[in-house]
Protein backbone atom coordinates (compact mmCIF):
# COMPACT_ATOMS: atom_id res chain seq x y z
CA MET A 1 -111.99 -49.07 -128.64
CA ARG A 2 -111.23 -45.64 -130.39
CA ALA A 3 -110.96 -42.76 -128.60
CA ASN A 4 -114.41 -40.19 -129.52
CA LEU A 5 -112.42 -37.03 -129.08
CA ARG A 6 -114.63 -34.52 -132.11
CA GLY A 7 -114.67 -31.07 -130.78
CA ALA A 8 -112.50 -31.84 -127.75
CA ASN A 9 -110.91 -28.79 -126.06
CA LEU A 10 -107.19 -30.02 -125.34
CA GLU A 11 -105.69 -26.85 -125.79
CA SER A 12 -102.20 -26.50 -123.73
CA THR A 13 -102.63 -30.15 -122.53
CA ASP A 14 -99.91 -32.64 -121.87
CA LEU A 15 -100.32 -35.77 -124.06
CA THR A 16 -96.59 -36.84 -124.45
CA ASN A 17 -96.45 -40.81 -124.72
CA ALA A 18 -100.30 -41.25 -124.92
CA ASP A 19 -101.99 -44.11 -127.12
CA PHE A 20 -104.15 -42.38 -129.39
CA TYR A 21 -104.12 -45.10 -132.44
CA GLN A 22 -107.13 -44.57 -134.21
CA ALA A 23 -108.69 -41.62 -132.49
CA ASP A 24 -111.05 -39.23 -134.13
CA PHE A 25 -109.74 -35.58 -132.97
CA THR A 26 -112.27 -34.14 -135.91
CA GLY A 27 -112.59 -30.61 -135.56
CA ALA A 28 -110.74 -30.93 -131.97
CA ASN A 29 -108.55 -27.61 -130.51
CA LEU A 30 -105.26 -29.14 -130.14
CA CYS A 31 -103.43 -25.61 -130.08
CA ASP A 32 -100.23 -25.77 -128.02
CA ALA A 33 -100.70 -29.40 -127.06
CA ASP A 34 -97.89 -31.93 -126.54
CA PHE A 35 -97.70 -35.28 -128.43
CA ASN A 36 -94.28 -35.08 -128.04
CA LYS A 37 -93.47 -39.52 -128.20
CA ALA A 38 -97.43 -40.33 -128.72
CA SER A 39 -98.88 -42.63 -131.01
CA LEU A 40 -102.10 -41.15 -133.42
CA ALA A 41 -100.91 -43.70 -135.91
CA GLY A 42 -104.39 -44.00 -138.08
CA ALA A 43 -106.14 -41.13 -136.04
CA ASN A 44 -108.65 -38.56 -137.75
CA LEU A 45 -107.32 -34.86 -137.05
CA SER A 46 -109.40 -33.80 -139.86
CA GLY A 47 -110.56 -29.93 -139.93
CA ALA A 48 -108.87 -30.22 -136.16
CA VAL A 49 -106.70 -26.78 -135.30
CA VAL A 50 -103.63 -28.02 -134.32
CA LYS A 51 -101.25 -24.71 -133.81
CA ARG A 52 -98.19 -24.77 -131.92
CA ALA A 53 -98.73 -28.07 -131.23
CA THR A 54 -95.35 -30.79 -130.47
CA PHE A 55 -95.23 -33.83 -132.06
CA LEU A 56 -91.07 -35.12 -131.70
CA LYS A 57 -90.83 -38.83 -132.76
CA ALA A 58 -94.65 -39.30 -132.53
CA ASN A 59 -95.95 -41.95 -134.61
CA LEU A 60 -97.89 -40.10 -137.18
CA SER A 61 -98.18 -43.11 -139.72
CA GLY A 62 -101.23 -43.22 -141.30
CA ALA A 63 -103.23 -40.15 -139.42
CA ASN A 64 -105.66 -38.30 -141.24
CA PHE A 65 -104.22 -33.89 -140.89
CA ARG A 66 -106.83 -33.38 -144.31
CA ASN A 67 -108.16 -29.38 -144.03
CA ALA A 68 -106.34 -29.41 -140.61
CA ASN A 69 -104.07 -26.08 -139.44
CA LEU A 70 -100.85 -26.78 -138.34
CA SER A 71 -99.50 -23.83 -138.58
CA ARG A 72 -96.02 -23.37 -136.77
CA ALA A 73 -96.42 -27.22 -135.14
CA ILE A 74 -93.48 -28.65 -134.50
CA LEU A 75 -92.94 -32.42 -136.30
CA LYS A 76 -88.83 -32.73 -135.70
CA LYS A 77 -88.70 -36.92 -136.15
CA ALA A 78 -92.22 -37.78 -136.09
CA ASN A 79 -93.09 -40.64 -138.21
CA ILE A 80 -95.82 -39.50 -140.68
CA ASP A 81 -95.33 -42.34 -143.21
CA GLY A 82 -98.98 -42.84 -144.77
CA ALA A 83 -100.24 -39.69 -143.48
CA ASN A 84 -102.50 -37.82 -145.36
CA PHE A 85 -101.96 -33.66 -145.26
CA THR A 86 -104.26 -32.97 -148.01
CA ASP A 87 -105.08 -28.74 -148.01
CA ALA A 88 -103.52 -28.36 -144.31
CA ASN A 89 -101.96 -25.29 -143.42
CA LEU A 90 -98.85 -26.83 -142.77
CA SER A 91 -97.20 -23.00 -142.84
CA ARG A 92 -94.30 -22.39 -140.77
CA CYS A 93 -93.99 -26.11 -139.45
CA ALA A 94 -90.37 -27.20 -138.38
CA TRP A 95 -90.55 -30.78 -139.55
CA THR A 96 -86.20 -31.26 -139.40
């Protein structure tokens, strides 16, 4: 069963090591959230606001970030294989 978190307000939430396989975060507020070592494989984060969130060593394979705002997000050592960042705001993201 996929988690339906469409439009959820999870600002500043600690989601370290959480499993959100194919979860739906469409339009959610995830500013300053901590997704370190979390699995968001196949998750839908289209249109989500993910500013300053951290994804250290997170599994983002196949995740959809289309039109998401990831400005200043930290994606160091994250698995982004097959992730979709079409039209996403990636300004000042930390990748390495």
